[in-house]
Amino acid sequence: MLWFSLLSLLSLPVSGWGLPDGFIAEFVTSAPAITGTFAPNPRNNGKPMLLLASKQGLVSVVENPDVSPESKAILDLEGRLCTNGERGLQSIAVHPNFLENGYIYLFYTPYKEHCP
């Protein structure tokens, strides 16, 4: 019965899985990321930049996502995090006064002995 259910799901038309009206799919960058957030860019008159976080602990920035997909690593926590299962670097957020203080916040699982 389970096999039949899976086959039934696979036979659904792909068009039924499209984006809602008003949404578009757009390539931004090839940088590895599990999550990201937009923040005002202090080096570009406050225009949005994209901060990306990977599960392994790499934080990258796309300085001007409307113009270029180029990303630059700004923090590397690889090897300092426990990344098995659902662990690792999970989210990134910017302080409400980011333009003044430059603070970003990371939610992650720190490395512990015997953690892959």
Protein backbone atom coordinates (compact mmCIF):
# COMPACT_ATOMS: atom_id res chain seq x y z
CA MET A 1 0.00 0.00 0.00
CA LEU A 2 2.85 2.39 0.85
CA TRP A 3 4.48 1.69 -2.53
CA PHE A 4 1.23 2.55 -4.31
CA SER A 5 0.96 5.81 -2.33
CA LEU A 6 4.49 6.82 -3.33
CA LEU A 7 3.81 6.04 -6.98
CA SER A 8 0.61 8.09 -6.81
CA LEU A 9 2.53 11.10 -5.47
CA LEU A 10 5.16 10.79 -8.18
CA SER A 11 2.50 10.85 -10.88
CA LEU A 12 1.08 14.25 -9.80
CA PRO A 13 1.51 16.97 -12.41
CA VAL A 14 4.56 19.15 -11.79
CA SER A 15 2.63 22.29 -12.66
CA GLY A 16 0.62 21.86 -9.45
CA TRP A 17 3.82 22.49 -7.48
CA GLY A 18 4.53 25.96 -8.89
CA LEU A 19 5.03 29.18 -7.01
CA PRO A 20 2.04 31.23 -5.87
CA ASP A 21 1.02 34.20 -8.00
CA GLY A 22 3.37 37.12 -7.57
CA PHE A 23 6.41 34.99 -6.65
CA ILE A 24 9.42 34.29 -8.89
CA ALA A 25 12.28 31.81 -8.74
CA GLU A 26 15.61 33.57 -9.21
CA PHE A 27 19.24 32.42 -8.95
CA VAL A 28 21.13 34.53 -6.41
CA THR A 29 24.40 32.73 -5.61
CA SER A 30 26.03 29.31 -5.60
CA ALA A 31 27.38 29.78 -2.05
CA PRO A 32 26.48 26.84 0.21
CA ALA A 33 23.80 27.86 2.69
CA ILE A 34 21.10 26.41 4.89
CA THR A 35 19.67 29.83 5.76
CA GLY A 36 20.19 33.49 5.08
CA THR A 37 18.96 36.97 5.79
CA PHE A 38 19.10 40.37 4.21
CA ALA A 39 20.83 43.23 6.02
CA PRO A 40 21.65 46.84 5.18
CA ASN A 41 25.13 47.06 3.67
CA PRO A 42 27.23 49.73 5.41
CA ARG A 43 29.66 49.79 2.45
CA ASN A 44 26.89 50.34 -0.12
CA ASN A 45 24.76 53.19 1.32
CA GLY A 46 22.56 50.77 3.27
CA LYS A 47 21.39 48.84 0.19
CA PRO A 48 20.58 45.19 1.01
CA MET A 49 23.30 42.56 1.21
CA LEU A 50 22.64 38.86 1.74
CA LEU A 51 24.21 37.04 4.70
CA LEU A 52 24.31 33.25 4.28
CA ALA A 53 25.03 30.50 6.81
CA SER A 54 25.94 26.88 6.05
CA LYS A 55 25.28 23.98 8.41
CA GLN A 56 29.04 23.33 8.66
CA GLY A 57 29.65 26.84 10.04
CA LEU A 58 30.60 29.00 7.07
CA VAL A 59 29.09 32.50 7.03
CA SER A 60 29.25 34.30 3.68
CA VAL A 61 28.07 37.62 2.33
CA VAL A 62 26.77 38.57 -1.11
CA GLU A 63 27.51 42.30 -1.06
CA ASN A 64 25.15 43.31 -3.87
CA PRO A 65 22.78 40.43 -4.74
CA ASP A 66 20.97 42.48 -7.41
CA VAL A 67 24.19 42.91 -9.40
CA SER A 68 26.50 39.96 -8.73
CA PRO A 69 26.25 36.39 -7.36
CA GLU A 70 29.81 36.66 -5.96
CA SER A 71 30.05 35.70 -2.30
CA LYS A 72 32.83 36.17 0.23
CA ALA A 73 33.41 34.11 3.39
CA ILE A 74 33.39 36.37 6.47
CA LEU A 75 33.44 33.77 9.27
CA ASP A 76 34.47 30.11 9.34
CA LEU A 77 33.40 27.99 12.32
CA GLU A 78 33.98 24.65 10.58
CA GLY A 79 35.44 22.12 13.01
CA ARG A 80 34.09 24.06 15.99
CA LEU A 81 30.49 22.88 15.58
CA CYS A 82 28.70 19.60 16.04
CA THR A 83 27.06 19.04 12.65
CA ASN A 84 25.56 15.55 12.70
CA GLY A 85 21.79 15.12 12.40
CA GLU A 86 19.97 18.41 12.81
CA ARG A 87 22.91 20.10 14.52
CA GLY A 88 25.26 22.75 13.19
CA LEU A 89 24.81 26.40 12.28
CA GLN A 90 21.04 26.76 12.04
CA SER A 91 20.24 30.44 11.60
CA ILE A 92 21.60 33.94 11.28
CA ALA A 93 20.02 37.27 12.27
CA VAL A 94 21.16 40.88 12.33
CA HIS A 95 20.85 43.32 15.22
CA PRO A 96 18.16 46.01 14.73
CA ASN A 97 20.96 48.64 14.83
CA PHE A 98 23.24 46.66 12.50
CA LEU A 99 24.38 49.75 10.57
CA GLU A 100 25.69 51.27 13.80
CA ASN A 101 27.12 48.23 15.62
CA GLY A 102 27.63 45.51 12.94
CA TYR A 103 26.31 42.76 15.22
CA ILE A 104 25.06 39.48 13.77
CA TYR A 105 23.64 36.61 15.79
CA LEU A 106 24.18 32.93 15.06
CA PHE A 107 22.21 29.97 16.41
CA TYR A 108 24.41 26.85 16.40
CA THR A 109 25.37 23.66 18.22
CA PRO A 110 28.91 23.89 19.63
CA TYR A 111 31.36 21.02 19.21
CA LYS A 112 31.48 18.44 22.00
CA GLU A 113 33.77 15.45 22.39
CA HIS A 114 32.68 12.43 20.31
CA CYS A 115 30.53 14.58 18.05
CA PRO A 116 31.16 14.00 14.34
